[in-house]
């Protein structure tokens, strides 16, 4: 499962949890934190790729 799949799966679970339990339920908060972690990891990967591209271009 890719990071994108994990993000989408977590978003789906979070939407279901909000519908069933509301915004402040323990499960919703946990899923929100997981989603934050996945997104931060994606951003770090993106920044690393940009740095690598810049290094490659500057030679």
PDB file of N, CA and C in Angstrom:
ATOM      1  N   UNK A   1       0.845  -1.182   0.000  1.00  0.00           N
ATOM      2  CA  UNK A   1       0.000   0.000   0.000  1.00  0.00           C
ATOM      3  C   UNK A   1       0.891   1.245   0.000  1.00  0.00           C
ATOM      4  N   UNK A   2       0.624   2.164  -0.918  1.00  0.00           N
ATOM      5  CA  UNK A   2       1.429   3.380  -1.010  1.00  0.00           C
ATOM      6  C   UNK A   2       0.968   4.407   0.023  1.00  0.00           C
ATOM      7  N   UNK A   3       1.771   5.441   0.202  1.00  0.00           N
ATOM      8  CA  UNK A   3       1.406   6.515   1.130  1.00  0.00           C
ATOM      9  C   UNK A   3       0.099   7.178   0.694  1.00  0.00           C
ATOM     10  N   UNK A   4      -0.071   7.343  -0.628  1.00  0.00           N
ATOM     11  CA  UNK A   4      -1.298   7.944  -1.128  1.00  0.00           C
ATOM     12  C   UNK A   4      -2.508   7.085  -0.759  1.00  0.00           C
ATOM     13  N   UNK A   5      -2.351   5.771  -0.856  1.00  0.00           N
ATOM     14  CA  UNK A   5      -3.432   4.850  -0.470  1.00  0.00           C
ATOM     15  C   UNK A   5      -3.728   4.971   1.022  1.00  0.00           C
ATOM     16  N   UNK A   6      -2.675   5.058   1.829  1.00  0.00           N
ATOM     17  CA  UNK A   6      -2.859   5.211   3.275  1.00  0.00           C
ATOM     18  C   UNK A   6      -3.602   6.506   3.600  1.00  0.00           C
ATOM     19  N   UNK A   7      -3.230   7.577   2.911  1.00  0.00           N
ATOM     20  CA  UNK A   7      -3.887   8.860   3.143  1.00  0.00           C
ATOM     21  C   UNK A   7      -5.362   8.769   2.779  1.00  0.00           C
ATOM     22  N   UNK A   8      -5.669   8.219   1.610  1.00  0.00           N
ATOM     23  CA  UNK A   8      -7.063   8.095   1.191  1.00  0.00           C
ATOM     24  C   UNK A   8      -7.853   7.194   2.128  1.00  0.00           C
ATOM     25  N   UNK A   9      -7.260   6.079   2.539  1.00  0.00           N
ATOM     26  CA  UNK A   9      -7.928   5.151   3.459  1.00  0.00           C
ATOM     27  C   UNK A   9      -8.217   5.833   4.792  1.00  0.00           C
ATOM     28  N   UNK A  10      -7.238   6.576   5.291  1.00  0.00           N
ATOM     29  CA  UNK A  10      -7.414   7.273   6.565  1.00  0.00           C
ATOM     30  C   UNK A  10      -8.470   8.356   6.443  1.00  0.00           C
ATOM     31  N   UNK A  11      -8.495   9.067   5.318  1.00  0.00           N
ATOM     32  CA  UNK A  11      -9.527  10.098   5.114  1.00  0.00           C
ATOM     33  C   UNK A  11     -10.919   9.475   5.123  1.00  0.00           C
ATOM     34  N   UNK A  12     -11.065   8.349   4.429  1.00  0.00           N
ATOM     35  CA  UNK A  12     -12.366   7.669   4.399  1.00  0.00           C
ATOM     36  C   UNK A  12     -12.792   7.253   5.809  1.00  0.00           C
ATOM     37  N   UNK A  13     -11.860   6.664   6.554  1.00  0.00           N
ATOM     38  CA  UNK A  13     -12.168   6.238   7.917  1.00  0.00           C
ATOM     39  C   UNK A  13     -12.532   7.435   8.790  1.00  0.00           C
ATOM     40  N   UNK A  14     -11.844   8.554   8.584  1.00  0.00           N
ATOM     41  CA  UNK A  14     -12.101   9.734   9.380  1.00  0.00           C
ATOM     42  C   UNK A  14     -13.494  10.285   9.087  1.00  0.00           C
ATOM     43  N   UNK A  15     -13.887  10.323   7.827  1.00  0.00           N
ATOM     44  CA  UNK A  15     -15.217  10.807   7.456  1.00  0.00           C
ATOM     45  C   UNK A  15     -16.299   9.927   8.084  1.00  0.00           C
ATOM     46  N   UNK A  16     -16.106   8.630   8.035  1.00  0.00           N
ATOM     47  CA  UNK A  16     -17.058   7.696   8.653  1.00  0.00           C
ATOM     48  C   UNK A  16     -17.120   7.929  10.158  1.00  0.00           C
ATOM     49  N   UNK A  17     -15.956   8.078  10.781  1.00  0.00           N
ATOM     50  CA  UNK A  17     -15.902   8.296  12.224  1.00  0.00           C
ATOM     51  C   UNK A  17     -16.597   9.600  12.613  1.00  0.00           C
ATOM     52  N   UNK A  18     -16.420  10.648  11.813  1.00  0.00           N
ATOM     53  CA  UNK A  18     -17.087  11.927  12.094  1.00  0.00           C
ATOM     54  C   UNK A  18     -18.598  11.754  11.992  1.00  0.00           C
ATOM     55  N   UNK A  19     -19.049  11.065  10.935  1.00  0.00           N
ATOM     56  CA  UNK A  19     -20.495  10.852  10.761  1.00  0.00           C
ATOM     57  C   UNK A  19     -21.080  10.046  11.917  1.00  0.00           C
ATOM     58  N   UNK A  20     -20.350   9.027  12.369  1.00  0.00           N
ATOM     59  CA  UNK A  20     -20.864   8.142  13.414  1.00  0.00           C
ATOM     60  C   UNK A  20     -20.672   8.698  14.822  1.00  0.00           C
ATOM     61  N   UNK A  21     -19.549   9.363  15.057  1.00  0.00           N
ATOM     62  CA  UNK A  21     -19.181   9.722  16.427  1.00  0.00           C
ATOM     63  C   UNK A  21     -18.996  11.212  16.683  1.00  0.00           C
ATOM     64  N   UNK A  22     -18.965  12.005  15.650  1.00  0.00           N
ATOM     65  CA  UNK A  22     -18.731  13.442  15.817  1.00  0.00           C
ATOM     66  C   UNK A  22     -17.253  13.790  15.743  1.00  0.00           C
ATOM     67  N   UNK A  23     -16.988  15.083  15.749  1.00  0.00           N
ATOM     68  CA  UNK A  23     -15.619  15.578  15.564  1.00  0.00           C
ATOM     69  C   UNK A  23     -14.693  15.300  16.736  1.00  0.00           C
ATOM     70  N   UNK A  24     -15.239  15.252  17.934  1.00  0.00           N
ATOM     71  CA  UNK A  24     -14.387  15.178  19.111  1.00  0.00           C
ATOM     72  C   UNK A  24     -14.210  13.761  19.663  1.00  0.00           C
ATOM     73  N   UNK A  25     -14.633  12.766  18.918  1.00  0.00           N
ATOM     74  CA  UNK A  25     -14.467  11.401  19.417  1.00  0.00           C
ATOM     75  C   UNK A  25     -12.986  11.006  19.396  1.00  0.00           C
ATOM     76  N   UNK A  26     -12.634  10.101  20.256  1.00  0.00           N
ATOM     77  CA  UNK A  26     -11.249   9.648  20.368  1.00  0.00           C
ATOM     78  C   UNK A  26     -10.758   9.058  19.029  1.00  0.00           C
ATOM     79  N   UNK A  27     -11.608   8.287  18.371  1.00  0.00           N
ATOM     80  CA  UNK A  27     -11.232   7.653  17.094  1.00  0.00           C
ATOM     81  C   UNK A  27     -10.990   8.707  16.011  1.00  0.00           C
ATOM     82  N   UNK A  28     -11.858   9.704  15.932  1.00  0.00           N
ATOM     83  CA  UNK A  28     -11.697  10.756  14.933  1.00  0.00           C
ATOM     84  C   UNK A  28     -10.398  11.520  15.159  1.00  0.00           C
ATOM     85  N   UNK A  29     -10.117  11.835  16.413  1.00  0.00           N
ATOM     86  CA  UNK A  29      -8.888  12.562  16.744  1.00  0.00           C
ATOM     87  C   UNK A  29      -7.663  11.721  16.384  1.00  0.00           C
ATOM     88  N   UNK A  30      -7.714  10.430  16.674  1.00  0.00           N
ATOM     89  CA  UNK A  30      -6.603   9.541  16.337  1.00  0.00           C
ATOM     90  C   UNK A  30      -6.386   9.488  14.823  1.00  0.00           C
ATOM     91  N   UNK A  31      -7.464   9.354  14.063  1.00  0.00           N
ATOM     92  CA  UNK A  31      -7.350   9.316  12.604  1.00  0.00           C
ATOM     93  C   UNK A  31      -6.819  10.638  12.059  1.00  0.00           C
ATOM     94  N   UNK A  32      -7.239  11.739  12.657  1.00  0.00           N
ATOM     95  CA  UNK A  32      -6.760  13.051  12.240  1.00  0.00           C
ATOM     96  C   UNK A  32      -5.252  13.170  12.458  1.00  0.00           C
ATOM     97  N   UNK A  33      -4.781  12.651  13.593  1.00  0.00           N
ATOM     98  CA  UNK A  33      -3.343  12.683  13.871  1.00  0.00           C
ATOM     99  C   UNK A  33      -2.574  11.799  12.900  1.00  0.00           C
ATOM    100  N   UNK A  34      -3.124  10.626  12.574  1.00  0.00           N
ATOM    101  CA  UNK A  34      -2.476   9.744  11.594  1.00  0.00           C
ATOM    102  C   UNK A  34      -2.379  10.445  10.251  1.00  0.00           C
ATOM    103  N   UNK A  35      -3.463  11.097   9.851  1.00  0.00           N
ATOM    104  CA  UNK A  35      -3.484  11.799   8.578  1.00  0.00           C
ATOM    105  C   UNK A  35      -2.438  12.908   8.562  1.00  0.00           C
ATOM    106  N   UNK A  36      -2.314  13.642   9.657  1.00  0.00           N
ATOM    107  CA  UNK A  36      -1.295  14.687   9.760  1.00  0.00           C
ATOM    108  C   UNK A  36       0.109  14.109   9.561  1.00  0.00           C
ATOM    109  N   UNK A  37       0.367  12.959  10.174  1.00  0.00           N
ATOM    110  CA  UNK A  37       1.680  12.318  10.061  1.00  0.00           C
ATOM    111  C   UNK A  37       1.946  11.917   8.609  1.00  0.00           C
ATOM    112  N   UNK A  38       0.960  11.287   7.959  1.00  0.00           N
ATOM    113  CA  UNK A  38       1.132  10.872   6.557  1.00  0.00           C
ATOM    114  C   UNK A  38       1.408  12.074   5.660  1.00  0.00           C
ATOM    115  N   UNK A  39       0.661  13.149   5.880  1.00  0.00           N
ATOM    116  CA  UNK A  39       0.836  14.342   5.045  1.00  0.00           C
ATOM    117  C   UNK A  39       2.209  14.968   5.276  1.00  0.00           C
ATOM    118  N   UNK A  40       2.645  15.042   6.530  1.00  0.00           N
ATOM    119  CA  UNK A  40       3.982  15.575   6.817  1.00  0.00           C
ATOM    120  C   UNK A  40       5.069  14.733   6.159  1.00  0.00           C
ATOM    121  N   UNK A  41       4.901  13.410   6.187  1.00  0.00           N
ATOM    122  CA  UNK A  41       5.867  12.531   5.543  1.00  0.00           C
ATOM    123  C   UNK A  41       5.896  12.779   4.034  1.00  0.00           C
ATOM    124  N   UNK A  42       4.727  12.963   3.433  1.00  0.00           N
ATOM    125  CA  UNK A  42       4.656  13.246   2.000  1.00  0.00           C
ATOM    126  C   UNK A  42       5.363  14.556   1.678  1.00  0.00           C
ATOM    127  N   UNK A  43       5.160  15.565   2.531  1.00  0.00           N
ATOM    128  CA  UNK A  43       5.803  16.858   2.310  1.00  0.00           C
ATOM    129  C   UNK A  43       7.319  16.739   2.416  1.00  0.00           C
ATOM    130  N   UNK A  44       7.811  15.957   3.379  1.00  0.00           N
ATOM    131  CA  UNK A  44       9.255  15.754   3.525  1.00  0.00           C
ATOM    132  C   UNK A  44       9.825  15.090   2.282  1.00  0.00           C
ATOM    133  N   UNK A  45       9.122  14.066   1.775  1.00  0.00           N
ATOM    134  CA  UNK A  45       9.571  13.371   0.563  1.00  0.00           C
ATOM    135  C   UNK A  45       9.613  14.347  -0.607  1.00  0.00           C
ATOM    136  N   UNK A  46       8.582  15.181  -0.732  1.00  0.00           N
ATOM    137  CA  UNK A  46       8.533  16.176  -1.800  1.00  0.00           C
ATOM    138  C   UNK A  46       9.685  17.165  -1.705  1.00  0.00           C
ATOM    139  N   UNK A  47       9.992  17.616  -0.498  1.00  0.00           N
ATOM    140  CA  UNK A  47      11.091  18.559  -0.317  1.00  0.00           C
ATOM    141  C   UNK A  47      12.429  17.914  -0.655  1.00  0.00           C
ATOM    142  N   UNK A  48      12.602  16.661  -0.284  1.00  0.00           N
ATOM    143  CA  UNK A  48      13.841  15.947  -0.621  1.00  0.00           C
ATOM    144  C   UNK A  48      14.007  15.836  -2.133  1.00  0.00           C
ATOM    145  N   UNK A  49      12.914  15.537  -2.835  1.00  0.00           N
ATOM    146  CA  UNK A  49      12.975  15.436  -4.294  1.00  0.00           C
ATOM    147  C   UNK A  49      13.335  16.782  -4.915  1.00  0.00           C
ATOM    148  N   UNK A  50      12.767  17.871  -4.383  1.00  0.00           N
ATOM    149  CA  UNK A  50      13.104  19.199  -4.890  1.00  0.00           C
ATOM    150  C   UNK A  50      14.572  19.523  -4.661  1.00  0.00           C
ATOM    151  N   UNK A  51      15.082  19.201  -3.468  1.00  0.00           N
ATOM    152  CA  UNK A  51      16.501  19.447  -3.165  1.00  0.00           C
ATOM    153  C   UNK A  51      17.396  18.655  -4.112  1.00  0.00           C
ATOM    154  N   UNK A  52      17.027  17.392  -4.336  1.00  0.00           N
ATOM    155  CA  UNK A  52      17.830  16.540  -5.224  1.00  0.00           C
ATOM    156  C   UNK A  52      17.831  17.101  -6.649  1.00  0.00           C
ATOM    157  N   UNK A  53      16.654  17.536  -7.116  1.00  0.00           N
ATOM    158  CA  UNK A  53      16.566  18.116  -8.457  1.00  0.00           C
ATOM    159  C   UNK A  53      17.434  19.353  -8.560  1.00  0.00           C
ATOM    160  N   UNK A  54      17.378  20.197  -7.521  1.00  0.00           N
ATOM    161  CA  UNK A  54      18.153  21.439  -7.521  1.00  0.00           C
ATOM    162  C   UNK A  54      19.641  21.120  -7.551  1.00  0.00           C
ATOM    163  N   UNK A  55      20.067  20.134  -6.735  1.00  0.00           N
ATOM    164  CA  UNK A  55      21.488  19.735  -6.720  1.00  0.00           C
ATOM    165  C   UNK A  55      21.905  19.217  -8.080  1.00  0.00           C
ATOM    166  N   UNK A  56      21.036  18.408  -8.696  1.00  0.00           N
ATOM    167  CA  UNK A  56      21.349  17.845 -10.005  1.00  0.00           C
ATOM    168  C   UNK A  56      21.474  18.945 -11.071  1.00  0.00           C
ATOM    169  N   UNK A  57      20.605  19.955 -10.980  1.00  0.00           N
ATOM    170  CA  UNK A  57      20.635  21.033 -11.957  1.00  0.00           C
ATOM    171  C   UNK A  57      21.870  21.924 -11.767  1.00  0.00           C
ATOM    172  N   UNK A  58      22.261  22.132 -10.520  1.00  0.00           N
ATOM    173  CA  UNK A  58      23.418  22.970 -10.244  1.00  0.00           C
ATOM    174  C   UNK A  58      24.718  22.247 -10.491  1.00  0.00           C
ATOM    175  N   UNK A  59      24.633  20.929 -10.515  1.00  0.00           N
ATOM    176  CA  UNK A  59      25.750  20.069 -10.870  1.00  0.00           C
ATOM    177  C   UNK A  59      26.814  20.025  -9.872  1.00  0.00           C
TER     178      UNK A  59
END
